[in-house]
Amino acid sequence: GIMKCDVIAQGTVDAVKEVGLEVPL
């Protein structure tokens, strides 16, 4: 609503690239 899905998506992608992903998402 106020939060934009593309902001969430980009933040998620950046976070995964930075810390890695070892569990299902």
mmCIF file of all heavy atoms, coordinates in Angstrom:
data_MODEL
# 
_entry.id   MODEL 
# 
loop_
_atom_site.group_PDB 
_atom_site.id 
_atom_site.type_symbol 
_atom_site.label_atom_id 
_atom_site.label_alt_id 
_atom_site.label_comp_id 
_atom_site.label_asym_id 
_atom_site.label_entity_id 
_atom_site.label_seq_id 
_atom_site.pdbx_PDB_ins_code 
_atom_site.Cartn_x 
_atom_site.Cartn_y 
_atom_site.Cartn_z 
_atom_site.occupancy 
_atom_site.B_iso_or_equiv 
_atom_site.pdbx_formal_charge 
_atom_site.auth_seq_id 
_atom_site.auth_comp_id 
_atom_site.auth_asym_id 
_atom_site.auth_atom_id 
_atom_site.pdbx_PDB_model_num 
ATOM 1   N N   . GLY A 1 1  ? 0.878  -1.153  0.000  1.00 0.00 ? 1  GLY A N   1 
ATOM 2   C CA  . GLY A 1 1  ? 0.000  0.000   0.000  1.00 0.00 ? 1  GLY A CA  1 
ATOM 3   C C   . GLY A 1 1  ? 0.912  1.198   0.000  1.00 0.00 ? 1  GLY A C   1 
ATOM 4   O O   . GLY A 1 1  ? 1.292  1.727   -1.044 1.00 0.00 ? 1  GLY A O   1 
ATOM 5   N N   . ILE A 1 2  ? 1.295  1.632   1.191  1.00 0.00 ? 2  ILE A N   1 
ATOM 6   C CA  . ILE A 1 2  ? 2.342  2.649   1.305  1.00 0.00 ? 2  ILE A CA  1 
ATOM 7   C C   . ILE A 1 2  ? 3.674  2.045   0.859  1.00 0.00 ? 2  ILE A C   1 
ATOM 8   O O   . ILE A 1 2  ? 4.447  2.651   0.118  1.00 0.00 ? 2  ILE A O   1 
ATOM 9   C CB  . ILE A 1 2  ? 2.440  3.148   2.757  1.00 0.00 ? 2  ILE A CB  1 
ATOM 10  C CG1 . ILE A 1 2  ? 1.109  3.746   3.205  1.00 0.00 ? 2  ILE A CG1 1 
ATOM 11  C CG2 . ILE A 1 2  ? 3.564  4.169   2.901  1.00 0.00 ? 2  ILE A CG2 1 
ATOM 12  C CD1 . ILE A 1 2  ? 1.064  4.102   4.667  1.00 0.00 ? 2  ILE A CD1 1 
ATOM 13  N N   . MET A 1 3  ? 3.927  0.831   1.347  1.00 0.00 ? 3  MET A N   1 
ATOM 14  C CA  . MET A 1 3  ? 5.141  0.107   0.957  1.00 0.00 ? 3  MET A CA  1 
ATOM 15  C C   . MET A 1 3  ? 5.030  -0.340  -0.498 1.00 0.00 ? 3  MET A C   1 
ATOM 16  O O   . MET A 1 3  ? 3.998  -0.835  -0.922 1.00 0.00 ? 3  MET A O   1 
ATOM 17  C CB  . MET A 1 3  ? 5.330  -1.103  1.865  1.00 0.00 ? 3  MET A CB  1 
ATOM 18  C CG  . MET A 1 3  ? 6.373  -2.105  1.387  1.00 0.00 ? 3  MET A CG  1 
ATOM 19  S SD  . MET A 1 3  ? 7.986  -1.364  1.174  1.00 0.00 ? 3  MET A SD  1 
ATOM 20  C CE  . MET A 1 3  ? 8.386  -0.974  2.856  1.00 0.00 ? 3  MET A CE  1 
ATOM 21  N N   . LYS A 1 4  ? 6.109  -0.146  -1.262 1.00 0.00 ? 4  LYS A N   1 
ATOM 22  C CA  . LYS A 1 4  ? 6.115  -0.531  -2.677 1.00 0.00 ? 4  LYS A CA  1 
ATOM 23  C C   . LYS A 1 4  ? 6.802  -1.884  -2.844 1.00 0.00 ? 4  LYS A C   1 
ATOM 24  O O   . LYS A 1 4  ? 7.857  -2.138  -2.273 1.00 0.00 ? 4  LYS A O   1 
ATOM 25  C CB  . LYS A 1 4  ? 6.828  0.544   -3.509 1.00 0.00 ? 4  LYS A CB  1 
ATOM 26  C CG  . LYS A 1 4  ? 6.105  1.900   -3.508 1.00 0.00 ? 4  LYS A CG  1 
ATOM 27  C CD  . LYS A 1 4  ? 6.883  2.925   -4.303 1.00 0.00 ? 4  LYS A CD  1 
ATOM 28  C CE  . LYS A 1 4  ? 6.123  4.247   -4.390 1.00 0.00 ? 4  LYS A CE  1 
ATOM 29  N NZ  . LYS A 1 4  ? 5.891  4.850   -3.053 1.00 0.00 ? 4  LYS A NZ  1 
ATOM 30  N N   . CYS A 1 5  ? 6.180  -2.732  -3.629 1.00 0.00 ? 5  CYS A N   1 
ATOM 31  C CA  . CYS A 1 5  ? 6.689  -4.091  -3.819 1.00 0.00 ? 5  CYS A CA  1 
ATOM 32  C C   . CYS A 1 5  ? 8.078  -4.108  -4.453 1.00 0.00 ? 5  CYS A C   1 
ATOM 33  O O   . CYS A 1 5  ? 8.876  -5.001  -4.169 1.00 0.00 ? 5  CYS A O   1 
ATOM 34  C CB  . CYS A 1 5  ? 5.717  -4.895  -4.695 1.00 0.00 ? 5  CYS A CB  1 
ATOM 35  S SG  . CYS A 1 5  ? 4.133  -5.240  -3.881 1.00 0.00 ? 5  CYS A SG  1 
ATOM 36  N N   . ASP A 1 6  ? 8.362  -3.140  -5.323 1.00 0.00 ? 6  ASP A N   1 
ATOM 37  C CA  . ASP A 1 6  ? 9.680  -3.140  -5.952 1.00 0.00 ? 6  ASP A CA  1 
ATOM 38  C C   . ASP A 1 6  ? 10.783 -2.802  -4.947 1.00 0.00 ? 6  ASP A C   1 
ATOM 39  O O   . ASP A 1 6  ? 11.909 -3.293  -5.073 1.00 0.00 ? 6  ASP A O   1 
ATOM 40  C CB  . ASP A 1 6  ? 9.717  -2.170  -7.143 1.00 0.00 ? 6  ASP A CB  1 
ATOM 41  C CG  . ASP A 1 6  ? 9.329  -0.745  -6.758 1.00 0.00 ? 6  ASP A CG  1 
ATOM 42  O OD1 . ASP A 1 6  ? 8.508  -0.591  -5.837 1.00 0.00 ? 6  ASP A OD1 1 
ATOM 43  O OD2 . ASP A 1 6  ? 9.844  0.207   -7.378 1.00 0.00 ? 6  ASP A OD2 1 
ATOM 44  N N   . VAL A 1 7  ? 10.465 -1.994  -3.929 1.00 0.00 ? 7  VAL A N   1 
ATOM 45  C CA  . VAL A 1 7  ? 11.441 -1.694  -2.881 1.00 0.00 ? 7  VAL A CA  1 
ATOM 46  C C   . VAL A 1 7  ? 11.753 -2.951  -2.073 1.00 0.00 ? 7  VAL A C   1 
ATOM 47  O O   . VAL A 1 7  ? 12.907 -3.254  -1.775 1.00 0.00 ? 7  VAL A O   1 
ATOM 48  C CB  . VAL A 1 7  ? 10.926 -0.570  -1.957 1.00 0.00 ? 7  VAL A CB  1 
ATOM 49  C CG1 . VAL A 1 7  ? 11.871 -0.363  -0.773 1.00 0.00 ? 7  VAL A CG1 1 
ATOM 50  C CG2 . VAL A 1 7  ? 10.769 0.722   -2.743 1.00 0.00 ? 7  VAL A CG2 1 
ATOM 51  N N   . ILE A 1 8  ? 10.687 -3.680  -1.711 1.00 0.00 ? 8  ILE A N   1 
ATOM 52  C CA  . ILE A 1 8  ? 10.859 -4.940  -0.995 1.00 0.00 ? 8  ILE A CA  1 
ATOM 53  C C   . ILE A 1 8  ? 11.677 -5.920  -1.826 1.00 0.00 ? 8  ILE A C   1 
ATOM 54  O O   . ILE A 1 8  ? 12.611 -6.572  -1.335 1.00 0.00 ? 8  ILE A O   1 
ATOM 55  C CB  . ILE A 1 8  ? 9.496  -5.566  -0.648 1.00 0.00 ? 8  ILE A CB  1 
ATOM 56  C CG1 . ILE A 1 8  ? 8.819  -4.785  0.460  1.00 0.00 ? 8  ILE A CG1 1 
ATOM 57  C CG2 . ILE A 1 8  ? 9.651  -7.034  -0.258 1.00 0.00 ? 8  ILE A CG2 1 
ATOM 58  C CD1 . ILE A 1 8  ? 9.360  -5.027  1.838  1.00 0.00 ? 8  ILE A CD1 1 
ATOM 59  N N   . ALA A 1 9  ? 11.336 -6.026  -3.095 1.00 0.00 ? 9  ALA A N   1 
ATOM 60  C CA  . ALA A 1 9  ? 12.016 -6.977  -3.977 1.00 0.00 ? 9  ALA A CA  1 
ATOM 61  C C   . ALA A 1 9  ? 13.494 -6.641  -4.110 1.00 0.00 ? 9  ALA A C   1 
ATOM 62  O O   . ALA A 1 9  ? 14.354 -7.522  -3.999 1.00 0.00 ? 9  ALA A O   1 
ATOM 63  C CB  . ALA A 1 9  ? 11.344 -6.977  -5.353 1.00 0.00 ? 9  ALA A CB  1 
ATOM 64  N N   . GLN A 1 10 ? 13.803 -5.363  -4.350 1.00 0.00 ? 10 GLN A N   1 
ATOM 65  C CA  . GLN A 1 10 ? 15.203 -4.976  -4.508 1.00 0.00 ? 10 GLN A CA  1 
ATOM 66  C C   . GLN A 1 10 ? 15.977 -5.164  -3.208 1.00 0.00 ? 10 GLN A C   1 
ATOM 67  O O   . GLN A 1 10 ? 17.127 -5.613  -3.213 1.00 0.00 ? 10 GLN A O   1 
ATOM 68  C CB  . GLN A 1 10 ? 15.296 -3.520  -4.962 1.00 0.00 ? 10 GLN A CB  1 
ATOM 69  C CG  . GLN A 1 10 ? 16.703 -3.111  -5.391 1.00 0.00 ? 10 GLN A CG  1 
ATOM 70  C CD  . GLN A 1 10 ? 17.203 -3.942  -6.566 1.00 0.00 ? 10 GLN A CD  1 
ATOM 71  O OE1 . GLN A 1 10 ? 16.574 -3.990  -7.626 1.00 0.00 ? 10 GLN A OE1 1 
ATOM 72  N NE2 . GLN A 1 10 ? 18.340 -4.619  -6.385 1.00 0.00 ? 10 GLN A NE2 1 
ATOM 73  N N   . GLY A 1 11 ? 15.351 -4.839  -2.096 1.00 0.00 ? 11 GLY A N   1 
ATOM 74  C CA  . GLY A 1 11 ? 15.994 -5.050  -0.796 1.00 0.00 ? 11 GLY A CA  1 
ATOM 75  C C   . GLY A 1 11 ? 16.272 -6.515  -0.542 1.00 0.00 ? 11 GLY A C   1 
ATOM 76  O O   . GLY A 1 11 ? 17.335 -6.883  -0.017 1.00 0.00 ? 11 GLY A O   1 
ATOM 77  N N   . THR A 1 12 ? 15.321 -7.360  -0.909 1.00 0.00 ? 12 THR A N   1 
ATOM 78  C CA  . THR A 1 12 ? 15.496 -8.810  -0.737 1.00 0.00 ? 12 THR A CA  1 
ATOM 79  C C   . THR A 1 12 ? 16.643 -9.331  -1.594 1.00 0.00 ? 12 THR A C   1 
ATOM 80  O O   . THR A 1 12 ? 17.500 -10.098 -1.130 1.00 0.00 ? 12 THR A O   1 
ATOM 81  C CB  . THR A 1 12 ? 14.201 -9.547  -1.103 1.00 0.00 ? 12 THR A CB  1 
ATOM 82  O OG1 . THR A 1 12 ? 13.137 -9.081  -0.265 1.00 0.00 ? 12 THR A OG1 1 
ATOM 83  C CG2 . THR A 1 12 ? 14.356 -11.045 -0.927 1.00 0.00 ? 12 THR A CG2 1 
ATOM 84  N N   . VAL A 1 13 ? 16.686 -8.916  -2.852 1.00 0.00 ? 13 VAL A N   1 
ATOM 85  C CA  . VAL A 1 13 ? 17.751 -9.346  -3.762 1.00 0.00 ? 13 VAL A CA  1 
ATOM 86  C C   . VAL A 1 13 ? 19.117 -8.891  -3.242 1.00 0.00 ? 13 VAL A C   1 
ATOM 87  O O   . VAL A 1 13 ? 20.084 -9.668  -3.202 1.00 0.00 ? 13 VAL A O   1 
ATOM 88  C CB  . VAL A 1 13 ? 17.500 -8.799  -5.185 1.00 0.00 ? 13 VAL A CB  1 
ATOM 89  C CG1 . VAL A 1 13 ? 18.731 -9.031  -6.071 1.00 0.00 ? 13 VAL A CG1 1 
ATOM 90  C CG2 . VAL A 1 13 ? 16.276 -9.456  -5.796 1.00 0.00 ? 13 VAL A CG2 1 
ATOM 91  N N   . ASP A 1 14 ? 19.194 -7.634  -2.817 1.00 0.00 ? 14 ASP A N   1 
ATOM 92  C CA  . ASP A 1 14 ? 20.460 -7.108  -2.301 1.00 0.00 ? 14 ASP A CA  1 
ATOM 93  C C   . ASP A 1 14 ? 20.895 -7.857  -1.048 1.00 0.00 ? 14 ASP A C   1 
ATOM 94  O O   . ASP A 1 14 ? 22.090 -8.145  -0.861 1.00 0.00 ? 14 ASP A O   1 
ATOM 95  C CB  . ASP A 1 14 ? 20.319 -5.613  -1.984 1.00 0.00 ? 14 ASP A CB  1 
ATOM 96  C CG  . ASP A 1 14 ? 20.169 -4.769  -3.242 1.00 0.00 ? 14 ASP A CG  1 
ATOM 97  O OD1 . ASP A 1 14 ? 20.390 -5.302  -4.343 1.00 0.00 ? 14 ASP A OD1 1 
ATOM 98  O OD2 . ASP A 1 14 ? 19.813 -3.578  -3.112 1.00 0.00 ? 14 ASP A OD2 1 
ATOM 99  N N   . ALA A 1 15 ? 19.927 -8.163  -0.190 1.00 0.00 ? 15 ALA A N   1 
ATOM 100 C CA  . ALA A 1 15 ? 20.240 -8.854  1.062  1.00 0.00 ? 15 ALA A CA  1 
ATOM 101 C C   . ALA A 1 15 ? 20.747 -10.260 0.795  1.00 0.00 ? 15 ALA A C   1 
ATOM 102 O O   . ALA A 1 15 ? 21.725 -10.710 1.405  1.00 0.00 ? 15 ALA A O   1 
ATOM 103 C CB  . ALA A 1 15 ? 19.003 -8.901  1.950  1.00 0.00 ? 15 ALA A CB  1 
ATOM 104 N N   . VAL A 1 16 ? 20.087 -10.966 -0.114 1.00 0.00 ? 16 VAL A N   1 
ATOM 105 C CA  . VAL A 1 16 ? 20.500 -12.332 -0.430 1.00 0.00 ? 16 VAL A CA  1 
ATOM 106 C C   . VAL A 1 16 ? 21.904 -12.338 -1.022 1.00 0.00 ? 16 VAL A C   1 
ATOM 107 O O   . VAL A 1 16 ? 22.737 -13.192 -0.690 1.00 0.00 ? 16 VAL A O   1 
ATOM 108 C CB  . VAL A 1 16 ? 19.493 -12.993 -1.396 1.00 0.00 ? 16 VAL A CB  1 
ATOM 109 C CG1 . VAL A 1 16 ? 20.046 -14.323 -1.899 1.00 0.00 ? 16 VAL A CG1 1 
ATOM 110 C CG2 . VAL A 1 16 ? 18.159 -13.210 -0.711 1.00 0.00 ? 16 VAL A CG2 1 
ATOM 111 N N   . LYS A 1 17 ? 22.184 -11.388 -1.878 1.00 0.00 ? 17 LYS A N   1 
ATOM 112 C CA  . LYS A 1 17 ? 23.512 -11.314 -2.490 1.00 0.00 ? 17 LYS A CA  1 
ATOM 113 C C   . LYS A 1 17 ? 24.583 -10.986 -1.459 1.00 0.00 ? 17 LYS A C   1 
ATOM 114 O O   . LYS A 1 17 ? 25.730 -11.414 -1.569 1.00 0.00 ? 17 LYS A O   1 
ATOM 115 C CB  . LYS A 1 17 ? 23.510 -10.279 -3.614 1.00 0.00 ? 17 LYS A CB  1 
ATOM 116 C CG  . LYS A 1 17 ? 22.722 -10.714 -4.848 1.00 0.00 ? 17 LYS A CG  1 
ATOM 117 C CD  . LYS A 1 17 ? 22.757 -9.648  -5.935 1.00 0.00 ? 17 LYS A CD  1 
ATOM 118 C CE  . LYS A 1 17 ? 22.004 -10.128 -7.189 1.00 0.00 ? 17 LYS A CE  1 
ATOM 119 N NZ  . LYS A 1 17 ? 21.999 -9.085  -8.258 1.00 0.00 ? 17 LYS A NZ  1 
ATOM 120 N N   . GLU A 1 18 ? 24.203 -10.230 -0.446 1.00 0.00 ? 18 GLU A N   1 
ATOM 121 C CA  . GLU A 1 18 ? 25.165 -9.807  0.564  1.00 0.00 ? 18 GLU A CA  1 
ATOM 122 C C   . GLU A 1 18 ? 25.427 -10.875 1.619  1.00 0.00 ? 18 GLU A C   1 
ATOM 123 O O   . GLU A 1 18 ? 26.576 -11.106 2.007  1.00 0.00 ? 18 GLU A O   1 
ATOM 124 C CB  . GLU A 1 18 ? 24.664 -8.525  1.255  1.00 0.00 ? 18 GLU A CB  1 
ATOM 125 C CG  . GLU A 1 18 ? 25.646 -7.947  2.251  1.00 0.00 ? 18 GLU A CG  1 
ATOM 126 C CD  . GLU A 1 18 ? 25.206 -6.604  2.803  1.00 0.00 ? 18 GLU A CD  1 
ATOM 127 O OE1 . GLU A 1 18 ? 24.387 -5.928  2.145  1.00 0.00 ? 18 GLU A OE1 1 
ATOM 128 O OE2 . GLU A 1 18 ? 25.683 -6.236  3.893  1.00 0.00 ? 18 GLU A OE2 1 
ATOM 129 N N   . VAL A 1 19 ? 24.349 -11.532 2.084  1.00 0.00 ? 19 VAL A N   1 
ATOM 130 C CA  . VAL A 1 19 ? 24.512 -12.488 3.188  1.00 0.00 ? 19 VAL A CA  1 
ATOM 131 C C   . VAL A 1 19 ? 24.379 -13.941 2.748  1.00 0.00 ? 19 VAL A C   1 
ATOM 132 O O   . VAL A 1 19 ? 24.686 -14.848 3.524  1.00 0.00 ? 19 VAL A O   1 
ATOM 133 C CB  . VAL A 1 19 ? 23.493 -12.203 4.320  1.00 0.00 ? 19 VAL A CB  1 
ATOM 134 C CG1 . VAL A 1 19 ? 23.612 -10.780 4.795  1.00 0.00 ? 19 VAL A CG1 1 
ATOM 135 C CG2 . VAL A 1 19 ? 22.071 -12.498 3.871  1.00 0.00 ? 19 VAL A CG2 1 
ATOM 136 N N   . GLY A 1 20 ? 23.934 -14.156 1.519  1.00 0.00 ? 20 GLY A N   1 
ATOM 137 C CA  . GLY A 1 20 ? 23.758 -15.524 1.046  1.00 0.00 ? 20 GLY A CA  1 
ATOM 138 C C   . GLY A 1 20 ? 22.407 -16.090 1.451  1.00 0.00 ? 20 GLY A C   1 
ATOM 139 O O   . GLY A 1 20 ? 21.709 -15.537 2.304  1.00 0.00 ? 20 GLY A O   1 
ATOM 140 N N   . LEU A 1 21 ? 22.043 -17.194 0.830  1.00 0.00 ? 21 LEU A N   1 
ATOM 141 C CA  . LEU A 1 21 ? 20.757 -17.831 1.108  1.00 0.00 ? 21 LEU A CA  1 
ATOM 142 C C   . LEU A 1 21 ? 20.965 -19.333 1.235  1.00 0.00 ? 21 LEU A C   1 
ATOM 143 O O   . LEU A 1 21 ? 21.273 -20.017 0.271  1.00 0.00 ? 21 LEU A O   1 
ATOM 144 C CB  . LEU A 1 21 ? 19.753 -17.530 -0.012 1.00 0.00 ? 21 LEU A CB  1 
ATOM 145 C CG  . LEU A 1 21 ? 18.346 -18.098 0.175  1.00 0.00 ? 21 LEU A CG  1 
ATOM 146 C CD1 . LEU A 1 21 ? 17.689 -17.490 1.411  1.00 0.00 ? 21 LEU A CD1 1 
ATOM 147 C CD2 . LEU A 1 21 ? 17.492 -17.817 -1.061 1.00 0.00 ? 21 LEU A CD2 1 
ATOM 148 N N   . GLU A 1 22 ? 20.818 -19.832 2.470  1.00 0.00 ? 22 GLU A N   1 
ATOM 149 C CA  . GLU A 1 22 ? 21.054 -21.246 2.734  1.00 0.00 ? 22 GLU A CA  1 
ATOM 150 C C   . GLU A 1 22 ? 19.777 -21.990 3.113  1.00 0.00 ? 22 GLU A C   1 
ATOM 151 O O   . GLU A 1 22 ? 19.827 -23.175 3.414  1.00 0.00 ? 22 GLU A O   1 
ATOM 152 C CB  . GLU A 1 22 ? 22.096 -21.392 3.848  1.00 0.00 ? 22 GLU A CB  1 
ATOM 153 C CG  . GLU A 1 22 ? 23.451 -20.795 3.478  1.00 0.00 ? 22 GLU A CG  1 
ATOM 154 C CD  . GLU A 1 22 ? 24.472 -20.938 4.583  1.00 0.00 ? 22 GLU A CD  1 
ATOM 155 O OE1 . GLU A 1 22 ? 24.109 -21.486 5.646  1.00 0.00 ? 22 GLU A OE1 1 
ATOM 156 O OE2 . GLU A 1 22 ? 25.627 -20.507 4.395  1.00 0.00 ? 22 GLU A OE2 1 
ATOM 157 N N   . VAL A 1 23 ? 18.647 -21.278 3.121  1.00 0.00 ? 23 VAL A N   1 
ATOM 158 C CA  . VAL A 1 23 ? 17.364 -21.900 3.468  1.00 0.00 ? 23 VAL A CA  1 
ATOM 159 C C   . VAL A 1 23 ? 16.348 -21.534 2.395  1.00 0.00 ? 23 VAL A C   1 
ATOM 160 O O   . VAL A 1 23 ? 16.526 -20.556 1.655  1.00 0.00 ? 23 VAL A O   1 
ATOM 161 C CB  . VAL A 1 23 ? 16.869 -21.426 4.849  1.00 0.00 ? 23 VAL A CB  1 
ATOM 162 C CG1 . VAL A 1 23 ? 17.836 -21.858 5.945  1.00 0.00 ? 23 VAL A CG1 1 
ATOM 163 C CG2 . VAL A 1 23 ? 16.658 -19.923 4.877  1.00 0.00 ? 23 VAL A CG2 1 
ATOM 164 N N   . PRO A 1 24 ? 15.265 -22.303 2.258  1.00 0.00 ? 24 PRO A N   1 
ATOM 165 C CA  . PRO A 1 24 ? 14.227 -21.974 1.276  1.00 0.00 ? 24 PRO A CA  1 
ATOM 166 C C   . PRO A 1 24 ? 13.636 -20.584 1.533  1.00 0.00 ? 24 PRO A C   1 
ATOM 167 O O   . PRO A 1 24 ? 13.458 -20.172 2.677  1.00 0.00 ? 24 PRO A O   1 
ATOM 168 C CB  . PRO A 1 24 ? 13.175 -23.060 1.491  1.00 0.00 ? 24 PRO A CB  1 
ATOM 169 C CG  . PRO A 1 24 ? 13.893 -24.182 2.159  1.00 0.00 ? 24 PRO A CG  1 
ATOM 170 C CD  . PRO A 1 24 ? 14.956 -23.544 2.996  1.00 0.00 ? 24 PRO A CD  1 
ATOM 171 N N   . LEU A 1 25 ? 13.331 -19.869 0.457  1.00 0.00 ? 25 LEU A N   1 
ATOM 172 C CA  . LEU A 1 25 ? 12.738 -18.537 0.546  1.00 0.00 ? 25 LEU A CA  1 
ATOM 173 C C   . LEU A 1 25 ? 11.506 -18.465 -0.348 1.00 0.00 ? 25 LEU A C   1 
ATOM 174 O O   . LEU A 1 25 ? 11.594 -18.676 -1.557 1.00 0.00 ? 25 LEU A O   1 
ATOM 175 C CB  . LEU A 1 25 ? 13.757 -17.476 0.122  1.00 0.00 ? 25 LEU A CB  1 
ATOM 176 C CG  . LEU A 1 25 ? 13.240 -16.038 -0.011 1.00 0.00 ? 25 LEU A CG  1 
ATOM 177 C CD1 . LEU A 1 25 ? 12.736 -15.520 1.330  1.00 0.00 ? 25 LEU A CD1 1 
ATOM 178 C CD2 . LEU A 1 25 ? 14.330 -15.120 -0.582 1.00 0.00 ? 25 LEU A CD2 1 
# 
